[in-house]
Amino acid sequence: MFFSLNQVTAPQLGFVEFLELAKRVGCDGVELRNDLNRSLFDGIDPGEAGAMARDLGLRVVALNHICAFNSWPPEQSPSARGLLEAAVACGAEAVSFTPRNDGIGCANGERQANLRIAIKTLLPLLKEVGMIGLIEPLGFMTSSLRSKAEAVAIIDTLDAKEHLKIVHNTFHHFLDGEGELFPDHTALVQISGVVNDTLTRSDMRDEHRVFVDEHDQLGTVEQISGLVAGGYRGPLSFECFSPDVQESDSIEEGLKGSIEFIASHLRATAA
């Protein structure tokens, strides 16, 4: 296991500054995003961007993300192909897929059928470029894919485990209320905490997601411990959307403190 940093945690930083921050706080990987209202890699050539990360000893654990992937008709697959090609060029280890999240396609039967169609459409592209796809269920009630169990079932049915894994997002796992962990199917764990203890589960939103500390309401360290006990050894990637984090002047100190908090808990659990 190792720590990684998702670009949304520090979106105000330029690409090079972001890589340097990840290196300084002790991360070994980064998640890069295509939804920061600017060019992917800040317009740097994908191959050069990947080389810059590797020169700092950083793995590009994922390129994040293909949005609403389970509502895309097959004719839109060239858009997916473009992001996959960028991922290959920069040396990313995976591309993540997020589901539609507007309350459409949520009905039982409909959502499973849409997911199956999407996987069958995208699987040949993943095989063609030799890339791993990461499906990230979202725990919001408006999400058309909330359950990791549903994703895992269809991945297994289509014998797609070699090319499709899941993202365990500690925030969305808590929102969904799904108790089961799937360490064998998990290739990325995205971590964040919610420290506002006045919020109900249904009140929690992305803007509440901060660094994990002793006040976390999500049971993040317990989730991580459960995954580790099940054999997970992949990245733990900070994905914090709160403006309190994104706009903080002490983001470096906050990251270092959260890394130490989580690492010390894991050391105590392993002892």
Protein backbone atom coordinates (compact mmCIF):
# COMPACT_ATOMS: atom_id res chain seq x y z
CA MET A 1 0.00 0.00 0.00
CA PHE A 2 1.01 3.59 -0.57
CA PHE A 3 -0.50 7.05 -0.53
CA SER A 4 -1.59 8.96 -3.60
CA LEU A 5 -3.00 12.42 -4.23
CA ASN A 6 -6.03 13.17 -6.39
CA GLN A 7 -5.69 16.42 -8.32
CA VAL A 8 -9.09 17.69 -7.10
CA THR A 9 -7.62 18.02 -3.59
CA ALA A 10 -5.43 20.90 -4.79
CA PRO A 11 -7.07 22.12 -8.02
CA GLN A 12 -5.62 25.60 -7.70
CA LEU A 13 -2.10 24.29 -8.29
CA GLY A 14 -0.60 24.03 -11.74
CA PHE A 15 0.38 20.59 -12.96
CA VAL A 16 4.04 20.85 -11.96
CA GLU A 17 3.20 22.39 -8.57
CA PHE A 18 0.72 19.60 -7.92
CA LEU A 19 3.32 16.91 -8.64
CA GLU A 20 5.82 18.65 -6.38
CA LEU A 21 3.26 18.84 -3.54
CA ALA A 22 2.55 15.11 -3.83
CA LYS A 23 6.25 14.38 -3.66
CA ARG A 24 6.87 16.64 -0.66
CA VAL A 25 4.16 15.10 1.49
CA GLY A 26 5.42 11.58 0.84
CA CYS A 27 2.96 10.31 -1.75
CA ASP A 28 4.10 7.70 -4.24
CA GLY A 29 1.27 8.23 -6.73
CA VAL A 30 -1.10 10.77 -8.22
CA GLU A 31 -4.57 10.71 -9.76
CA LEU A 32 -4.88 13.18 -12.63
CA ARG A 33 -8.22 14.68 -13.70
CA ASN A 34 -9.86 15.93 -16.87
CA ASP A 35 -12.62 17.96 -15.13
CA LEU A 36 -10.76 20.90 -13.59
CA ASN A 37 -12.02 23.47 -16.14
CA ARG A 38 -8.70 23.56 -17.89
CA SER A 39 -6.73 21.43 -20.32
CA LEU A 40 -5.72 17.95 -19.27
CA PHE A 41 -2.14 18.09 -17.88
CA ASP A 42 -2.44 21.91 -18.28
CA GLY A 43 -1.84 21.39 -21.99
CA ILE A 44 1.43 19.51 -21.54
CA ASP A 45 1.93 16.63 -23.95
CA PRO A 46 0.68 13.42 -22.27
CA GLY A 47 3.98 11.61 -22.72
CA GLU A 48 5.90 14.53 -21.25
CA ALA A 49 3.43 14.86 -18.37
CA GLY A 50 3.89 11.21 -17.47
CA ALA A 51 7.65 11.52 -17.66
CA MET A 52 7.54 14.52 -15.31
CA ALA A 53 5.66 12.45 -12.75
CA ARG A 54 8.03 9.50 -13.07
CA ASP A 55 11.06 11.78 -12.74
CA LEU A 56 9.75 12.66 -9.28
CA GLY A 57 9.24 9.00 -8.44
CA LEU A 58 5.45 9.24 -8.77
CA ARG A 59 3.14 6.66 -10.33
CA VAL A 60 0.14 7.90 -12.29
CA VAL A 61 -2.31 5.52 -10.62
CA ALA A 62 -5.31 6.70 -12.64
CA LEU A 63 -6.62 9.21 -15.11
CA ASN A 64 -9.94 10.37 -13.69
CA HIS A 65 -12.50 10.13 -15.34
CA ILE A 66 -14.99 9.05 -18.01
CA CYS A 67 -18.22 10.58 -16.69
CA ALA A 68 -21.72 9.03 -16.93
CA PHE A 69 -20.16 6.01 -18.61
CA ASN A 70 -23.24 3.85 -18.03
CA SER A 71 -25.48 6.12 -20.11
CA TRP A 72 -23.20 6.49 -23.11
CA PRO A 73 -24.44 5.00 -26.37
CA PRO A 74 -21.87 3.06 -28.38
CA GLU A 75 -21.43 5.90 -30.88
CA GLN A 76 -19.82 7.99 -28.15
CA SER A 77 -17.05 5.46 -27.58
CA PRO A 78 -14.52 7.59 -29.56
CA SER A 79 -14.63 10.05 -26.62
CA ALA A 80 -13.70 7.20 -24.30
CA ARG A 81 -11.01 6.13 -26.75
CA GLY A 82 -9.43 9.58 -26.63
CA LEU A 83 -9.08 9.52 -22.85
CA LEU A 84 -7.79 5.95 -22.92
CA GLU A 85 -5.15 6.95 -25.46
CA ALA A 86 -4.10 9.87 -23.24
CA ALA A 87 -3.86 7.47 -20.31
CA VAL A 88 -1.64 5.11 -22.27
CA ALA A 89 0.55 7.99 -23.47
CA CYS A 90 1.13 9.36 -19.95
CA GLY A 91 1.74 5.90 -18.50
CA ALA A 92 -1.37 5.85 -16.30
CA GLU A 93 -2.15 2.52 -14.69
CA ALA A 94 -5.92 2.88 -15.09
CA VAL A 95 -8.81 5.08 -16.19
CA SER A 96 -11.78 5.56 -13.87
CA PHE A 97 -15.45 5.54 -14.87
CA THR A 98 -18.17 7.32 -12.88
CA PRO A 99 -21.89 6.64 -13.35
CA ARG A 100 -24.71 8.96 -14.27
CA ASN A 101 -25.70 10.97 -11.19
CA ASP A 102 -28.84 12.94 -12.03
CA GLY A 103 -31.57 10.58 -10.84
CA ILE A 104 -32.04 9.02 -14.28
CA GLY A 105 -31.48 5.30 -14.87
CA CYS A 106 -31.75 4.38 -11.18
CA ALA A 107 -34.61 1.88 -11.37
CA ASN A 108 -33.95 -1.74 -10.49
CA GLY A 109 -33.37 -3.68 -13.69
CA GLU A 110 -32.70 -0.55 -15.73
CA ARG A 111 -29.47 0.33 -13.97
CA GLN A 112 -28.10 -3.22 -14.22
CA ALA A 113 -28.96 -3.41 -17.92
CA ASN A 114 -27.31 -0.05 -18.62
CA LEU A 115 -24.20 -1.09 -16.73
CA ARG A 116 -23.96 -4.35 -18.65
CA ILE A 117 -24.29 -2.53 -21.99
CA ALA A 118 -21.66 0.04 -21.00
CA ILE A 119 -19.17 -2.60 -19.89
CA LYS A 120 -19.68 -4.63 -23.06
CA THR A 121 -19.13 -1.45 -25.11
CA LEU A 122 -16.01 -0.30 -23.29
CA LEU A 123 -14.36 -3.67 -22.66
CA PRO A 124 -13.02 -4.04 -26.23
CA LEU A 125 -11.43 -0.58 -25.97
CA LEU A 126 -9.75 -1.50 -22.70
CA LYS A 127 -8.45 -4.73 -24.19
CA GLU A 128 -7.23 -2.95 -27.31
CA VAL A 129 -5.03 -0.52 -25.38
CA GLY A 130 -4.19 -2.87 -22.50
CA MET A 131 -5.68 -0.56 -19.89
CA ILE A 132 -7.46 -1.25 -16.61
CA GLY A 133 -10.86 0.39 -16.17
CA LEU A 134 -11.98 1.38 -12.67
CA ILE A 135 -15.71 1.56 -11.96
CA GLU A 136 -16.53 3.96 -9.13
CA PRO A 137 -20.03 3.58 -7.62
CA LEU A 138 -21.37 6.83 -6.16
CA GLY A 139 -23.38 6.62 -2.96
CA PHE A 140 -25.71 9.56 -3.66
CA MET A 141 -29.40 8.71 -3.96
CA THR A 142 -29.36 10.26 -7.45
CA SER A 143 -26.64 7.87 -8.63
CA SER A 144 -27.45 5.24 -11.24
CA LEU A 145 -24.81 2.95 -9.70
CA ARG A 146 -24.57 2.99 -5.91
CA SER A 147 -23.70 -0.62 -5.15
CA LYS A 148 -20.27 -2.16 -5.53
CA ALA A 149 -21.95 -5.57 -5.29
CA GLU A 150 -23.93 -4.87 -8.47
CA ALA A 151 -20.81 -3.79 -10.31
CA VAL A 152 -18.83 -6.81 -9.12
CA ALA A 153 -21.63 -9.20 -10.11
CA ILE A 154 -21.75 -7.92 -13.69
CA ILE A 155 -17.95 -7.78 -13.99
CA ASP A 156 -17.82 -11.43 -12.95
CA THR A 157 -20.71 -12.46 -15.18
CA LEU A 158 -18.96 -10.93 -18.19
CA ASP A 159 -15.62 -12.45 -17.15
CA ALA A 160 -14.14 -8.94 -17.24
CA LYS A 161 -12.15 -8.96 -13.98
CA GLU A 162 -8.82 -8.84 -15.81
CA HIS A 163 -9.66 -5.44 -17.32
CA LEU A 164 -12.24 -4.00 -14.91
CA LYS A 165 -11.80 -3.32 -11.20
CA ILE A 166 -13.67 -1.13 -8.76
CA VAL A 167 -12.85 1.99 -6.81
CA HIS A 168 -13.60 1.85 -3.11
CA ASN A 169 -14.39 5.43 -2.15
CA THR A 170 -14.65 5.70 1.63
CA PHE A 171 -17.14 8.59 1.41
CA HIS A 172 -19.45 6.86 -1.07
CA HIS A 173 -19.15 3.53 0.73
CA PHE A 174 -20.50 5.22 3.87
CA LEU A 175 -23.31 6.97 1.97
CA ASP A 176 -24.47 3.78 0.32
CA GLY A 177 -24.47 1.87 3.60
CA GLU A 178 -23.13 -1.21 1.84
CA GLY A 179 -21.26 -3.26 4.42
CA GLU A 180 -19.43 -5.67 2.16
CA LEU A 181 -15.89 -4.94 1.02
CA PHE A 182 -14.47 -6.36 -2.19
CA PRO A 183 -10.68 -6.26 -1.79
CA ASP A 184 -10.09 -8.81 -4.57
CA HIS A 185 -11.90 -6.58 -7.05
CA THR A 186 -10.51 -3.27 -5.75
CA ALA A 187 -7.63 -1.50 -7.47
CA LEU A 188 -7.94 1.97 -5.94
CA VAL A 189 -9.14 3.34 -2.61
CA GLN A 190 -10.09 7.02 -2.56
CA ILE A 191 -10.06 8.49 0.92
CA SER A 192 -11.62 11.53 2.56
CA GLY A 193 -13.30 12.28 5.84
CA VAL A 194 -16.34 14.18 7.06
CA VAL A 195 -15.77 15.84 10.42
CA ASN A 196 -19.03 17.80 10.76
CA ASP A 197 -20.95 15.68 13.28
CA THR A 198 -24.21 17.59 12.76
CA LEU A 199 -24.73 16.15 9.27
CA THR A 200 -26.95 13.17 8.64
CA ARG A 201 -25.90 10.61 6.04
CA SER A 202 -28.36 12.06 3.53
CA ASP A 203 -27.04 15.59 4.12
CA MET A 204 -23.43 14.77 3.24
CA ARG A 205 -22.11 16.18 -0.03
CA ASP A 206 -18.76 16.44 -1.79
CA GLU A 207 -18.13 19.87 -0.27
CA HIS A 208 -17.98 18.25 3.20
CA ARG A 209 -15.08 15.97 2.27
CA VAL A 210 -11.89 16.91 4.13
CA PHE A 211 -8.74 15.20 5.40
CA VAL A 212 -9.16 12.15 7.58
CA ASP A 213 -8.46 12.70 11.28
CA GLU A 214 -9.75 11.57 14.67
CA HIS A 215 -13.05 13.43 14.10
CA ASP A 216 -13.97 11.53 10.93
CA GLN A 217 -17.61 10.37 10.84
CA LEU A 218 -17.19 7.88 7.96
CA GLY A 219 -15.12 5.20 9.65
CA THR A 220 -12.48 5.67 6.98
CA VAL A 221 -9.62 4.04 8.85
CA GLU A 222 -11.84 1.09 9.72
CA GLN A 223 -12.78 0.70 6.07
CA ILE A 224 -9.11 0.76 5.08
CA SER A 225 -8.23 -1.76 7.79
CA GLY A 226 -10.94 -4.10 6.52
CA LEU A 227 -9.64 -3.87 2.97
CA VAL A 228 -6.08 -4.49 4.12
CA ALA A 229 -7.20 -7.50 6.15
CA GLY A 230 -8.76 -8.82 2.94
CA GLY A 231 -5.51 -8.47 1.04
CA TYR A 232 -5.74 -5.03 -0.54
CA ARG A 233 -2.28 -3.54 -1.19
CA GLY A 234 -2.99 -0.74 -3.65
CA PRO A 235 -2.97 3.06 -3.39
CA LEU A 236 -4.82 5.15 -0.82
CA SER A 237 -5.62 8.33 -2.72
CA PHE A 238 -6.73 11.57 -1.06
CA GLU A 239 -9.81 12.95 -2.84
CA CYS A 240 -11.03 15.98 -0.88
CA PHE A 241 -13.57 18.34 -2.45
CA SER A 242 -14.11 20.74 0.44
CA PRO A 243 -13.12 24.36 -0.22
CA ASP A 244 -11.65 24.28 3.30
CA VAL A 245 -9.02 21.93 1.88
CA GLN A 246 -8.78 23.14 -1.70
CA GLU A 247 -8.28 26.78 -0.73
CA SER A 248 -6.20 26.17 2.38
CA ASP A 249 -2.85 27.86 2.87
CA SER A 250 -1.76 24.87 4.98
CA ILE A 251 -2.72 22.04 2.64
CA GLU A 252 0.76 20.52 2.88
CA GLU A 253 0.59 20.32 6.67
CA GLY A 254 -2.94 18.94 6.49
CA LEU A 255 -1.89 16.19 4.10
CA LYS A 256 1.12 15.22 6.18
CA GLY A 257 -0.98 15.10 9.33
CA SER A 258 -3.66 12.94 7.73
CA ILE A 259 -1.08 10.56 6.26
CA GLU A 260 0.50 10.11 9.68
CA PHE A 261 -2.90 9.64 11.35
CA ILE A 262 -3.90 6.88 8.91
CA ALA A 263 -0.47 5.23 8.88
CA SER A 264 -0.27 5.16 12.67
CA HIS A 265 -3.70 3.54 12.86
CA LEU A 266 -2.67 0.89 10.35
CA ARG A 267 0.56 0.24 12.25
CA ALA A 268 -1.41 -0.19 15.48
CA THR A 269 -3.86 -2.52 13.79
CA ALA A 270 -1.04 -4.65 12.37
CA ALA A 271 0.81 -4.86 15.71
